[in-house]
N, C-alpha and C. Protein backbone atom coordinates (compact mmCIF):
# COMPACT_ATOMS: atom_id res chain seq x y z
N MET A 1 -22.44 9.50 11.02
CA MET A 1 -21.47 8.79 10.18
C MET A 1 -20.92 9.74 9.10
N ARG A 2 -19.61 9.75 8.94
CA ARG A 2 -18.98 10.63 7.95
C ARG A 2 -19.32 10.16 6.54
N LYS A 3 -19.41 11.13 5.63
CA LYS A 3 -19.84 10.82 4.27
C LYS A 3 -18.81 11.26 3.24
N ASP A 4 -19.03 10.78 2.02
CA ASP A 4 -18.23 11.20 0.87
C ASP A 4 -19.10 12.14 0.04
N THR A 5 -18.79 13.42 0.08
CA THR A 5 -19.65 14.43 -0.54
C THR A 5 -19.15 14.83 -1.93
N PHE A 6 -19.96 15.62 -2.64
CA PHE A 6 -19.53 16.15 -3.94
C PHE A 6 -18.26 16.98 -3.79
N LYS A 7 -18.16 17.67 -2.66
CA LYS A 7 -16.95 18.47 -2.41
C LYS A 7 -15.72 17.58 -2.34
N HIS A 8 -15.83 16.47 -1.61
CA HIS A 8 -14.71 15.53 -1.53
C HIS A 8 -14.35 14.98 -2.91
N GLN A 9 -15.38 14.65 -3.69
CA GLN A 9 -15.14 14.10 -5.03
C GLN A 9 -14.42 15.12 -5.91
N GLY A 10 -14.80 16.37 -5.77
CA GLY A 10 -14.12 17.43 -6.52
C GLY A 10 -12.67 17.59 -6.11
N MET A 11 -12.41 17.46 -4.81
CA MET A 11 -11.04 17.54 -4.31
C MET A 11 -10.21 16.37 -4.83
N ARG A 12 -10.84 15.20 -4.96
CA ARG A 12 -10.12 14.05 -5.51
C ARG A 12 -9.77 14.27 -6.97
N ARG A 13 -10.67 14.88 -7.72
CA ARG A 13 -10.37 15.17 -9.14
C ARG A 13 -9.16 16.10 -9.24
N GLN A 14 -9.09 17.08 -8.34
CA GLN A 14 -7.93 17.98 -8.33
C GLN A 14 -6.66 17.21 -7.99
N LEU A 15 -6.76 16.29 -7.02
CA LEU A 15 -5.61 15.47 -6.65
C LEU A 15 -5.14 14.62 -7.83
N VAL A 16 -6.08 14.01 -8.54
CA VAL A 16 -5.71 13.20 -9.71
C VAL A 16 -4.98 14.06 -10.74
N GLY A 17 -5.46 15.28 -10.95
CA GLY A 17 -4.78 16.18 -11.87
C GLY A 17 -3.35 16.47 -11.44
N LEU A 18 -3.14 16.63 -10.14
CA LEU A 18 -1.80 16.87 -9.61
C LEU A 18 -0.90 15.66 -9.83
N LEU A 19 -1.45 14.46 -9.63
CA LEU A 19 -0.66 13.24 -9.83
C LEU A 19 -0.25 13.08 -11.29
N VAL A 20 -1.13 13.47 -12.20
CA VAL A 20 -0.78 13.46 -13.63
C VAL A 20 0.39 14.41 -13.89
N GLU A 21 0.32 15.59 -13.30
CA GLU A 21 1.42 16.56 -13.44
C GLU A 21 2.73 16.01 -12.90
N LYS A 22 2.64 15.17 -11.87
CA LYS A 22 3.85 14.60 -11.24
C LYS A 22 4.35 13.35 -11.95
N GLY A 23 3.65 12.93 -13.02
CA GLY A 23 4.18 11.85 -13.84
C GLY A 23 3.47 10.51 -13.74
N ILE A 24 2.35 10.44 -13.03
CA ILE A 24 1.59 9.18 -12.97
C ILE A 24 0.78 9.05 -14.26
N THR A 25 0.98 7.95 -14.97
CA THR A 25 0.36 7.78 -16.29
C THR A 25 -0.63 6.61 -16.36
N ASP A 26 -0.58 5.69 -15.40
CA ASP A 26 -1.46 4.51 -15.43
C ASP A 26 -2.89 4.95 -15.12
N GLN A 27 -3.76 4.87 -16.11
CA GLN A 27 -5.12 5.36 -15.94
C GLN A 27 -5.89 4.59 -14.88
N ARG A 28 -5.60 3.32 -14.73
CA ARG A 28 -6.30 2.52 -13.72
C ARG A 28 -5.91 2.96 -12.31
N VAL A 29 -4.66 3.36 -12.14
CA VAL A 29 -4.22 3.91 -10.85
C VAL A 29 -4.93 5.24 -10.59
N LEU A 30 -4.96 6.09 -11.60
CA LEU A 30 -5.60 7.41 -11.45
C LEU A 30 -7.09 7.26 -11.17
N ASP A 31 -7.74 6.32 -11.85
CA ASP A 31 -9.17 6.09 -11.62
C ASP A 31 -9.42 5.63 -10.18
N ALA A 32 -8.54 4.75 -9.69
CA ALA A 32 -8.69 4.23 -8.33
C ALA A 32 -8.51 5.35 -7.30
N ILE A 33 -7.48 6.16 -7.48
CA ILE A 33 -7.25 7.29 -6.57
C ILE A 33 -8.46 8.22 -6.60
N GLY A 34 -9.07 8.36 -7.78
CA GLY A 34 -10.23 9.23 -7.92
C GLY A 34 -11.48 8.69 -7.25
N LYS A 35 -11.50 7.39 -6.97
CA LYS A 35 -12.69 6.77 -6.37
C LYS A 35 -12.59 6.59 -4.85
N VAL A 36 -11.39 6.35 -4.34
CA VAL A 36 -11.25 6.00 -2.92
C VAL A 36 -11.34 7.25 -2.05
N PRO A 37 -12.27 7.28 -1.10
CA PRO A 37 -12.44 8.44 -0.22
C PRO A 37 -11.36 8.49 0.86
N ARG A 38 -10.22 9.07 0.53
CA ARG A 38 -9.07 9.07 1.44
C ARG A 38 -9.42 9.67 2.80
N HIS A 39 -10.30 10.66 2.81
CA HIS A 39 -10.62 11.33 4.09
C HIS A 39 -11.24 10.38 5.11
N LEU A 40 -11.86 9.30 4.64
CA LEU A 40 -12.49 8.36 5.55
C LEU A 40 -11.48 7.39 6.18
N PHE A 41 -10.25 7.42 5.69
CA PHE A 41 -9.19 6.59 6.27
C PHE A 41 -8.33 7.39 7.25
N MET A 42 -8.73 8.64 7.49
CA MET A 42 -7.97 9.54 8.35
C MET A 42 -8.84 10.04 9.49
N ASP A 43 -8.20 10.55 10.53
CA ASP A 43 -8.92 11.18 11.62
C ASP A 43 -9.68 12.39 11.09
N SER A 44 -10.87 12.61 11.62
CA SER A 44 -11.70 13.70 11.11
C SER A 44 -11.04 15.07 11.26
N SER A 45 -10.09 15.20 12.20
CA SER A 45 -9.42 16.49 12.39
C SER A 45 -8.53 16.85 11.20
N PHE A 46 -8.17 15.85 10.38
CA PHE A 46 -7.33 16.10 9.20
C PHE A 46 -8.16 16.15 7.91
N GLU A 47 -9.48 16.05 8.03
CA GLU A 47 -10.33 15.85 6.85
C GLU A 47 -10.15 16.95 5.80
N GLN A 48 -10.02 18.20 6.23
CA GLN A 48 -9.91 19.29 5.26
C GLN A 48 -8.59 19.24 4.47
N TYR A 49 -7.63 18.45 4.98
CA TYR A 49 -6.33 18.34 4.30
C TYR A 49 -6.17 17.02 3.55
N ALA A 50 -7.20 16.19 3.56
CA ALA A 50 -7.08 14.80 3.11
C ALA A 50 -6.63 14.66 1.67
N TYR A 51 -6.94 15.65 0.83
CA TYR A 51 -6.60 15.51 -0.59
C TYR A 51 -5.41 16.37 -1.00
N GLN A 52 -4.65 16.81 0.01
CA GLN A 52 -3.33 17.36 -0.26
C GLN A 52 -2.38 16.18 -0.47
N ASP A 53 -1.33 16.41 -1.23
CA ASP A 53 -0.39 15.33 -1.52
C ASP A 53 0.64 15.25 -0.39
N LYS A 54 0.16 14.85 0.78
CA LYS A 54 1.01 14.79 1.97
C LYS A 54 0.65 13.57 2.81
N PRO A 55 1.63 13.04 3.57
CA PRO A 55 1.31 11.99 4.55
C PRO A 55 0.73 12.63 5.80
N PHE A 56 -0.02 11.84 6.55
CA PHE A 56 -0.58 12.32 7.82
C PHE A 56 -0.51 11.20 8.85
N PRO A 57 -0.40 11.56 10.14
CA PRO A 57 -0.36 10.52 11.19
C PRO A 57 -1.69 9.79 11.32
N ILE A 58 -1.59 8.47 11.62
CA ILE A 58 -2.80 7.66 11.82
C ILE A 58 -2.75 6.93 13.15
N GLY A 59 -1.80 7.30 14.03
CA GLY A 59 -1.65 6.62 15.31
C GLY A 59 -0.58 5.56 15.25
N CYS A 60 -0.13 5.09 16.42
CA CYS A 60 0.89 4.04 16.53
C CYS A 60 2.20 4.44 15.85
N ASP A 61 2.48 5.75 15.81
CA ASP A 61 3.69 6.27 15.15
C ASP A 61 3.75 5.90 13.67
N GLN A 62 2.60 5.71 13.05
CA GLN A 62 2.52 5.37 11.63
C GLN A 62 1.83 6.50 10.88
N THR A 63 1.94 6.45 9.54
CA THR A 63 1.32 7.49 8.71
C THR A 63 0.53 6.86 7.56
N ILE A 64 -0.43 7.62 7.05
CA ILE A 64 -1.03 7.29 5.76
C ILE A 64 -0.13 7.93 4.72
N SER A 65 0.34 7.13 3.76
CA SER A 65 1.31 7.63 2.77
C SER A 65 0.71 8.75 1.93
N GLN A 66 1.59 9.61 1.41
CA GLN A 66 1.09 10.65 0.53
C GLN A 66 0.55 10.00 -0.74
N PRO A 67 -0.48 10.57 -1.35
CA PRO A 67 -1.10 9.96 -2.52
C PRO A 67 -0.12 9.68 -3.66
N TYR A 68 0.87 10.56 -3.86
CA TYR A 68 1.84 10.29 -4.93
C TYR A 68 2.58 8.99 -4.69
N THR A 69 2.97 8.74 -3.45
CA THR A 69 3.69 7.50 -3.13
C THR A 69 2.82 6.28 -3.39
N VAL A 70 1.56 6.36 -2.97
CA VAL A 70 0.60 5.27 -3.23
C VAL A 70 0.46 5.03 -4.74
N ALA A 71 0.31 6.12 -5.48
CA ALA A 71 0.14 6.01 -6.93
C ALA A 71 1.40 5.47 -7.59
N PHE A 72 2.56 5.93 -7.13
CA PHE A 72 3.84 5.50 -7.71
C PHE A 72 4.06 4.01 -7.50
N GLN A 73 3.86 3.55 -6.26
CA GLN A 73 4.03 2.12 -5.99
C GLN A 73 3.01 1.28 -6.76
N SER A 74 1.78 1.76 -6.80
CA SER A 74 0.72 1.01 -7.52
C SER A 74 1.03 0.92 -9.00
N GLN A 75 1.55 2.00 -9.56
CA GLN A 75 1.90 2.01 -10.99
C GLN A 75 3.04 1.03 -11.28
N LEU A 76 4.03 0.98 -10.38
CA LEU A 76 5.16 0.06 -10.58
C LEU A 76 4.72 -1.40 -10.55
N LEU A 77 3.68 -1.69 -9.77
CA LEU A 77 3.21 -3.08 -9.66
C LEU A 77 2.64 -3.61 -10.97
N GLU A 78 2.06 -2.71 -11.78
CA GLU A 78 1.39 -3.13 -13.03
C GLU A 78 0.33 -4.19 -12.74
N VAL A 79 -0.55 -3.87 -11.83
CA VAL A 79 -1.60 -4.81 -11.40
C VAL A 79 -2.60 -5.06 -12.52
N LYS A 80 -2.92 -6.33 -12.71
CA LYS A 80 -4.00 -6.71 -13.64
C LYS A 80 -5.16 -7.24 -12.82
N ALA A 81 -6.37 -7.04 -13.32
CA ALA A 81 -7.56 -7.49 -12.61
C ALA A 81 -7.48 -8.98 -12.31
N GLY A 82 -7.81 -9.35 -11.08
CA GLY A 82 -7.81 -10.75 -10.68
C GLY A 82 -6.50 -11.26 -10.12
N GLU A 83 -5.44 -10.45 -10.20
CA GLU A 83 -4.15 -10.90 -9.67
C GLU A 83 -4.15 -10.88 -8.15
N LYS A 84 -3.40 -11.83 -7.56
CA LYS A 84 -3.23 -11.88 -6.11
C LYS A 84 -2.11 -10.93 -5.71
N VAL A 85 -2.45 -9.97 -4.86
CA VAL A 85 -1.47 -8.98 -4.42
C VAL A 85 -1.35 -9.03 -2.90
N LEU A 86 -0.12 -9.22 -2.41
CA LEU A 86 0.16 -9.17 -0.99
C LEU A 86 0.62 -7.77 -0.62
N GLU A 87 -0.07 -7.17 0.34
CA GLU A 87 0.35 -5.87 0.86
C GLU A 87 0.91 -6.08 2.26
N VAL A 88 2.14 -5.65 2.48
CA VAL A 88 2.78 -5.75 3.78
C VAL A 88 2.71 -4.39 4.46
N GLY A 89 1.85 -4.31 5.49
CA GLY A 89 1.63 -3.04 6.18
C GLY A 89 0.31 -2.41 5.76
N THR A 90 -0.80 -2.90 6.32
CA THR A 90 -2.11 -2.37 5.95
C THR A 90 -2.24 -0.90 6.34
N GLY A 91 -1.69 -0.56 7.52
CA GLY A 91 -1.77 0.83 7.98
C GLY A 91 -3.21 1.30 8.07
N SER A 92 -3.49 2.40 7.40
CA SER A 92 -4.85 2.98 7.40
C SER A 92 -5.83 2.16 6.59
N GLY A 93 -5.32 1.38 5.62
CA GLY A 93 -6.19 0.65 4.70
C GLY A 93 -6.34 1.33 3.35
N TYR A 94 -5.79 2.54 3.21
CA TYR A 94 -5.98 3.32 1.98
C TYR A 94 -5.35 2.65 0.76
N GLN A 95 -4.10 2.20 0.90
CA GLN A 95 -3.44 1.54 -0.23
C GLN A 95 -4.19 0.26 -0.62
N ALA A 96 -4.66 -0.48 0.36
CA ALA A 96 -5.43 -1.70 0.07
C ALA A 96 -6.68 -1.37 -0.73
N ALA A 97 -7.35 -0.27 -0.36
CA ALA A 97 -8.56 0.13 -1.08
C ALA A 97 -8.25 0.48 -2.53
N VAL A 98 -7.13 1.17 -2.76
CA VAL A 98 -6.72 1.51 -4.13
C VAL A 98 -6.48 0.24 -4.94
N LEU A 99 -5.81 -0.74 -4.35
CA LEU A 99 -5.56 -2.01 -5.05
C LEU A 99 -6.87 -2.75 -5.34
N CYS A 100 -7.80 -2.70 -4.39
CA CYS A 100 -9.12 -3.33 -4.62
C CYS A 100 -9.83 -2.66 -5.79
N GLU A 101 -9.77 -1.34 -5.84
CA GLU A 101 -10.41 -0.60 -6.93
C GLU A 101 -9.78 -0.96 -8.28
N MET A 102 -8.51 -1.38 -8.27
CA MET A 102 -7.83 -1.78 -9.50
C MET A 102 -8.15 -3.22 -9.89
N GLY A 103 -8.98 -3.89 -9.07
CA GLY A 103 -9.41 -5.23 -9.42
C GLY A 103 -8.54 -6.35 -8.88
N ALA A 104 -7.61 -6.01 -7.97
CA ALA A 104 -6.73 -7.03 -7.40
C ALA A 104 -7.46 -7.84 -6.33
N LYS A 105 -7.01 -9.08 -6.15
CA LYS A 105 -7.42 -9.88 -4.99
C LYS A 105 -6.37 -9.58 -3.92
N VAL A 106 -6.76 -8.79 -2.94
CA VAL A 106 -5.79 -8.24 -1.99
C VAL A 106 -5.70 -9.08 -0.72
N TYR A 107 -4.45 -9.34 -0.32
CA TYR A 107 -4.13 -10.00 0.95
C TYR A 107 -3.23 -9.02 1.69
N SER A 108 -3.68 -8.58 2.86
CA SER A 108 -2.96 -7.51 3.55
C SER A 108 -2.66 -7.91 4.98
N ILE A 109 -1.42 -7.65 5.42
CA ILE A 109 -0.99 -8.03 6.76
C ILE A 109 -0.53 -6.79 7.53
N GLU A 110 -0.90 -6.75 8.80
CA GLU A 110 -0.56 -5.60 9.66
C GLU A 110 -0.16 -6.11 11.05
N ARG A 111 0.91 -5.56 11.61
CA ARG A 111 1.39 -6.05 12.90
C ARG A 111 0.93 -5.21 14.09
N MET A 112 0.34 -4.06 13.84
CA MET A 112 -0.19 -3.22 14.93
C MET A 112 -1.68 -3.52 15.10
N LYS A 113 -2.06 -4.04 16.26
CA LYS A 113 -3.44 -4.48 16.48
C LYS A 113 -4.44 -3.34 16.28
N GLU A 114 -4.11 -2.15 16.79
CA GLU A 114 -5.02 -1.01 16.67
C GLU A 114 -5.27 -0.67 15.21
N LEU A 115 -4.20 -0.65 14.41
CA LEU A 115 -4.35 -0.33 12.99
C LEU A 115 -5.08 -1.45 12.25
N PHE A 116 -4.78 -2.68 12.63
CA PHE A 116 -5.48 -3.83 12.02
C PHE A 116 -6.98 -3.72 12.25
N ASN A 117 -7.36 -3.44 13.49
CA ASN A 117 -8.79 -3.33 13.83
C ASN A 117 -9.45 -2.16 13.10
N ASN A 118 -8.78 -1.00 13.11
CA ASN A 118 -9.35 0.20 12.49
C ASN A 118 -9.51 0.02 10.99
N SER A 119 -8.46 -0.48 10.33
CA SER A 119 -8.52 -0.63 8.87
C SER A 119 -9.56 -1.67 8.47
N SER A 120 -9.67 -2.74 9.26
CA SER A 120 -10.66 -3.79 8.96
C SER A 120 -12.07 -3.21 8.97
N GLN A 121 -12.35 -2.38 9.98
CA GLN A 121 -13.68 -1.78 10.09
C GLN A 121 -13.97 -0.82 8.95
N ILE A 122 -12.98 0.03 8.62
CA ILE A 122 -13.19 1.02 7.56
C ILE A 122 -13.39 0.33 6.21
N LEU A 123 -12.52 -0.61 5.90
CA LEU A 123 -12.59 -1.29 4.59
C LEU A 123 -13.91 -2.05 4.45
N ARG A 124 -14.32 -2.71 5.53
CA ARG A 124 -15.58 -3.45 5.48
C ARG A 124 -16.77 -2.50 5.30
N ARG A 125 -16.73 -1.39 6.03
CA ARG A 125 -17.82 -0.41 5.95
C ARG A 125 -17.94 0.18 4.55
N LEU A 126 -16.82 0.34 3.88
CA LEU A 126 -16.82 0.92 2.53
C LEU A 126 -17.07 -0.13 1.44
N GLY A 127 -17.20 -1.39 1.85
CA GLY A 127 -17.56 -2.43 0.90
C GLY A 127 -16.41 -3.10 0.18
N TYR A 128 -15.18 -2.91 0.68
CA TYR A 128 -14.02 -3.54 0.04
C TYR A 128 -13.86 -4.96 0.58
N SER A 129 -13.67 -5.90 -0.32
CA SER A 129 -13.52 -7.31 0.04
C SER A 129 -12.07 -7.72 -0.14
N LEU A 130 -11.44 -8.11 0.96
CA LEU A 130 -10.04 -8.55 0.90
C LEU A 130 -9.77 -9.47 2.07
N THR A 131 -8.60 -10.12 2.06
CA THR A 131 -8.19 -11.00 3.15
C THR A 131 -7.17 -10.26 4.00
N GLN A 132 -7.51 -10.02 5.28
CA GLN A 132 -6.60 -9.31 6.17
C GLN A 132 -6.08 -10.23 7.26
N SER A 133 -4.83 -9.99 7.66
CA SER A 133 -4.19 -10.81 8.67
C SER A 133 -3.46 -9.92 9.67
N PHE A 134 -3.51 -10.30 10.94
CA PHE A 134 -2.76 -9.63 12.00
C PHE A 134 -1.51 -10.46 12.26
N GLY A 135 -0.33 -9.91 11.95
CA GLY A 135 0.88 -10.68 12.13
C GLY A 135 2.11 -9.95 11.64
N ASP A 136 3.22 -10.69 11.56
CA ASP A 136 4.53 -10.16 11.22
C ASP A 136 4.68 -10.06 9.70
N GLY A 137 4.79 -8.82 9.21
CA GLY A 137 4.90 -8.62 7.77
C GLY A 137 6.12 -9.25 7.14
N TYR A 138 7.21 -9.41 7.92
CA TYR A 138 8.42 -10.03 7.38
C TYR A 138 8.16 -11.47 6.95
N LYS A 139 7.16 -12.10 7.57
CA LYS A 139 6.87 -13.51 7.27
C LYS A 139 5.85 -13.65 6.15
N GLY A 140 5.21 -12.52 5.77
CA GLY A 140 4.23 -12.57 4.70
C GLY A 140 3.01 -13.39 5.07
N MET A 141 2.38 -13.98 4.06
CA MET A 141 1.20 -14.83 4.27
C MET A 141 1.39 -16.10 3.45
N PRO A 142 2.28 -17.00 3.93
CA PRO A 142 2.65 -18.19 3.15
C PRO A 142 1.48 -19.09 2.79
N ALA A 143 0.44 -19.08 3.61
CA ALA A 143 -0.71 -19.95 3.34
C ALA A 143 -1.40 -19.58 2.04
N TYR A 144 -1.23 -18.34 1.58
CA TYR A 144 -1.91 -17.87 0.37
C TYR A 144 -0.94 -17.71 -0.81
N ALA A 145 0.34 -17.96 -0.59
CA ALA A 145 1.36 -17.81 -1.64
C ALA A 145 1.20 -18.90 -2.70
N PRO A 146 1.72 -18.69 -3.92
CA PRO A 146 2.50 -17.51 -4.34
C PRO A 146 1.60 -16.35 -4.77
N PHE A 147 2.20 -15.15 -4.75
CA PHE A 147 1.49 -13.94 -5.13
C PHE A 147 2.03 -13.41 -6.46
N ASP A 148 1.10 -12.86 -7.25
CA ASP A 148 1.51 -12.23 -8.51
C ASP A 148 2.32 -10.97 -8.25
N LYS A 149 1.91 -10.23 -7.22
CA LYS A 149 2.57 -8.96 -6.89
C LYS A 149 2.66 -8.83 -5.37
N ILE A 150 3.71 -8.16 -4.90
CA ILE A 150 3.86 -7.86 -3.48
C ILE A 150 4.24 -6.39 -3.34
N ILE A 151 3.57 -5.69 -2.43
CA ILE A 151 3.88 -4.29 -2.17
C ILE A 151 4.17 -4.14 -0.68
N VAL A 152 5.29 -3.49 -0.37
CA VAL A 152 5.69 -3.25 1.01
C VAL A 152 5.57 -1.75 1.27
N THR A 153 4.85 -1.38 2.33
CA THR A 153 4.53 0.02 2.56
C THR A 153 5.26 0.61 3.77
N ALA A 154 6.39 -0.03 4.15
CA ALA A 154 7.25 0.51 5.20
C ALA A 154 8.70 0.27 4.77
N GLY A 155 9.60 1.07 5.31
CA GLY A 155 11.01 0.98 4.91
C GLY A 155 11.70 -0.20 5.56
N ALA A 156 12.16 -1.15 4.77
CA ALA A 156 12.84 -2.34 5.29
C ALA A 156 14.35 -2.12 5.28
N PRO A 157 15.06 -2.57 6.32
CA PRO A 157 16.51 -2.44 6.33
C PRO A 157 17.19 -3.38 5.34
N GLU A 158 16.48 -4.42 4.92
CA GLU A 158 17.02 -5.39 3.96
C GLU A 158 15.85 -6.07 3.27
N LEU A 159 16.15 -6.84 2.24
CA LEU A 159 15.10 -7.55 1.53
C LEU A 159 14.66 -8.78 2.33
N PRO A 160 13.40 -8.87 2.73
CA PRO A 160 12.93 -10.03 3.49
C PRO A 160 12.87 -11.28 2.61
N LYS A 161 13.64 -12.30 3.00
CA LYS A 161 13.73 -13.52 2.19
C LYS A 161 12.40 -14.26 2.10
N ASP A 162 11.62 -14.22 3.19
CA ASP A 162 10.32 -14.91 3.16
C ASP A 162 9.40 -14.31 2.11
N LEU A 163 9.46 -12.99 1.96
CA LEU A 163 8.62 -12.34 0.96
C LEU A 163 9.08 -12.70 -0.46
N LEU A 164 10.38 -12.72 -0.66
CA LEU A 164 10.90 -13.11 -1.99
C LEU A 164 10.43 -14.51 -2.35
N SER A 165 10.42 -15.41 -1.38
CA SER A 165 10.04 -16.81 -1.67
C SER A 165 8.55 -16.94 -1.99
N GLN A 166 7.75 -15.94 -1.57
CA GLN A 166 6.30 -15.99 -1.80
C GLN A 166 5.89 -15.30 -3.10
N LEU A 167 6.86 -14.78 -3.84
CA LEU A 167 6.59 -14.12 -5.11
C LEU A 167 6.59 -15.13 -6.25
N LYS A 168 5.57 -15.09 -7.05
CA LYS A 168 5.45 -16.00 -8.19
C LYS A 168 6.57 -15.72 -9.22
N ILE A 169 7.02 -16.74 -9.90
CA ILE A 169 7.97 -16.52 -11.00
C ILE A 169 7.29 -15.65 -12.05
N GLY A 170 7.94 -14.57 -12.44
CA GLY A 170 7.34 -13.59 -13.34
C GLY A 170 6.65 -12.47 -12.58
N GLY A 171 6.61 -12.59 -11.24
CA GLY A 171 5.94 -11.59 -10.42
C GLY A 171 6.81 -10.39 -10.09
N ARG A 172 6.17 -9.36 -9.53
CA ARG A 172 6.85 -8.11 -9.18
C ARG A 172 6.65 -7.79 -7.70
N MET A 173 7.72 -7.28 -7.10
CA MET A 173 7.62 -6.76 -5.74
C MET A 173 8.15 -5.34 -5.73
N VAL A 174 7.41 -4.44 -5.08
CA VAL A 174 7.83 -3.05 -4.92
C VAL A 174 8.08 -2.83 -3.45
N ILE A 175 9.32 -2.45 -3.10
CA ILE A 175 9.70 -2.33 -1.70
C ILE A 175 10.71 -1.21 -1.50
N PRO A 176 10.47 -0.34 -0.51
CA PRO A 176 11.48 0.65 -0.15
C PRO A 176 12.42 0.04 0.90
N TYR A 177 13.73 0.07 0.63
CA TYR A 177 14.61 -0.40 1.69
C TYR A 177 15.90 0.39 1.77
N GLY A 178 16.50 0.29 2.97
CA GLY A 178 17.64 1.12 3.32
C GLY A 178 17.31 1.86 4.60
N SER A 179 18.30 2.49 5.22
CA SER A 179 18.06 3.22 6.47
C SER A 179 17.90 4.72 6.18
N GLY A 180 17.11 5.40 7.01
CA GLY A 180 16.88 6.84 6.80
C GLY A 180 15.98 7.04 5.60
N VAL A 181 16.52 7.65 4.53
CA VAL A 181 15.80 7.76 3.26
C VAL A 181 16.00 6.45 2.51
N GLN A 182 14.88 5.84 2.10
CA GLN A 182 14.98 4.54 1.42
C GLN A 182 15.02 4.70 -0.10
N GLU A 183 15.57 3.71 -0.73
CA GLU A 183 15.52 3.59 -2.18
C GLU A 183 14.35 2.68 -2.52
N MET A 184 13.50 3.11 -3.44
CA MET A 184 12.40 2.26 -3.88
C MET A 184 12.96 1.26 -4.90
N TYR A 185 12.73 -0.01 -4.65
CA TYR A 185 13.21 -1.04 -5.56
C TYR A 185 12.03 -1.76 -6.22
N LEU A 186 12.22 -2.06 -7.48
CA LEU A 186 11.33 -2.95 -8.21
C LEU A 186 12.06 -4.27 -8.37
N ILE A 187 11.53 -5.31 -7.74
CA ILE A 187 12.12 -6.65 -7.79
C ILE A 187 11.26 -7.52 -8.70
N GLU A 188 11.89 -8.21 -9.64
CA GLU A 188 11.17 -9.15 -10.50
C GLU A 188 11.79 -10.53 -10.36
N ARG A 189 10.93 -11.52 -10.17
CA ARG A 189 11.43 -12.90 -10.05
C ARG A 189 11.46 -13.54 -11.43
N THR A 190 12.64 -13.91 -11.86
CA THR A 190 12.80 -14.43 -13.22
C THR A 190 12.92 -15.96 -13.27
N SER A 191 13.20 -16.59 -12.13
CA SER A 191 13.26 -18.05 -12.07
C SER A 191 13.14 -18.46 -10.60
N GLU A 192 13.25 -19.74 -10.34
CA GLU A 192 13.15 -20.23 -8.96
C GLU A 192 14.19 -19.57 -8.05
N THR A 193 15.35 -19.26 -8.61
CA THR A 193 16.45 -18.74 -7.79
C THR A 193 16.92 -17.34 -8.17
N ASP A 194 16.39 -16.79 -9.26
CA ASP A 194 16.92 -15.51 -9.77
C ASP A 194 15.91 -14.37 -9.67
N PHE A 195 16.44 -13.21 -9.31
CA PHE A 195 15.66 -11.99 -9.19
C PHE A 195 16.42 -10.83 -9.82
N THR A 196 15.71 -9.91 -10.43
CA THR A 196 16.34 -8.67 -10.88
C THR A 196 15.93 -7.55 -9.93
N ARG A 197 16.79 -6.55 -9.77
CA ARG A 197 16.51 -5.42 -8.89
C ARG A 197 16.76 -4.13 -9.65
N LYS A 198 15.85 -3.21 -9.52
CA LYS A 198 15.97 -1.93 -10.22
C LYS A 198 15.61 -0.79 -9.26
N LYS A 199 16.49 0.19 -9.14
CA LYS A 199 16.24 1.35 -8.28
C LYS A 199 15.28 2.30 -8.98
N MET A 200 14.29 2.77 -8.22
CA MET A 200 13.24 3.61 -8.81
C MET A 200 13.10 4.97 -8.12
N GLY A 201 14.10 5.36 -7.33
CA GLY A 201 14.05 6.68 -6.71
C GLY A 201 14.00 6.62 -5.20
N LYS A 202 14.26 7.75 -4.57
CA LYS A 202 14.34 7.81 -3.11
C LYS A 202 13.02 8.28 -2.49
N PHE A 203 12.66 7.62 -1.39
CA PHE A 203 11.44 7.93 -0.65
C PHE A 203 11.74 7.82 0.83
N ARG A 204 10.85 8.39 1.65
CA ARG A 204 11.00 8.25 3.10
C ARG A 204 9.73 7.58 3.66
N PHE A 205 9.94 6.43 4.29
CA PHE A 205 8.85 5.67 4.89
C PHE A 205 9.11 5.48 6.39
N VAL A 206 8.05 5.21 7.14
CA VAL A 206 8.25 4.75 8.51
C VAL A 206 8.94 3.40 8.44
N PRO A 207 9.77 3.07 9.45
CA PRO A 207 10.54 1.82 9.38
C PRO A 207 9.67 0.58 9.53
N MET A 208 10.07 -0.45 8.82
CA MET A 208 9.45 -1.78 8.97
C MET A 208 10.16 -2.45 10.13
N LEU A 209 9.43 -2.74 11.20
CA LEU A 209 10.05 -3.26 12.42
C LEU A 209 10.40 -4.73 12.26
N LYS A 210 11.64 -5.05 12.60
CA LYS A 210 12.17 -6.40 12.36
C LYS A 210 12.28 -7.18 13.66
N ASN A 211 12.01 -8.49 13.54
CA ASN A 211 12.17 -9.42 14.65
C ASN A 211 11.43 -8.96 15.90
N LYS A 212 10.22 -8.50 15.71
CA LYS A 212 9.38 -8.09 16.83
C LYS A 212 8.11 -8.91 16.83
N GLU A 213 7.58 -9.13 17.99
CA GLU A 213 6.26 -9.75 18.05
C GLU A 213 5.21 -8.75 17.59
N SER A 214 4.13 -9.25 17.01
CA SER A 214 3.02 -8.38 16.65
C SER A 214 2.50 -7.72 17.91
N ARG A 215 2.22 -6.42 17.84
CA ARG A 215 1.91 -5.66 19.04
C ARG A 215 0.40 -5.45 19.19
N ASP A 216 -0.10 -5.76 20.38
CA ASP A 216 -1.50 -5.48 20.70
C ASP A 216 -1.68 -4.00 20.96
């Protein structure tokens, strides 16, 4: 069984220092990144590169996001301990683990069966407690709504209306959308019918697949 060694912990401290240099200021985000063993969410062949600030493939044409992107989205959410956070796109499970370390009650949905199974096993083995679902991320998890925060970890061609409806009034959603290179948006729900949108910079994500059945 793969382990989290002193060497890995030292590499994480270096990564946290790099994220500070890149402008991440939320100490709770930095502490979480410093605790989560990213190498255990990746194939062992990439282990020596796990704490570089780069994305890596995880199968199913998907990637584990680069740590800066995870930190940036997590910082925008302004997560408080005990808040309900919906994550659309569990992927490797790394972002979910960071949110758990920040004290969130995490609800995560994944449409790729292989990734759902893999992330469930890894998160459980590492002791993270969250609610995971296999299904269409565009539909969210209405049974558990409303959510204080929503984070989308794939590039959406448009804003999913079902996700907007599951956001609590006063809540925040962080979502990259657009084709090709996406714009990161911070969405805040100000009333039953009103939302504000703020552009937060350009990022490149794998596409969020629309109108597809969940894939085994």
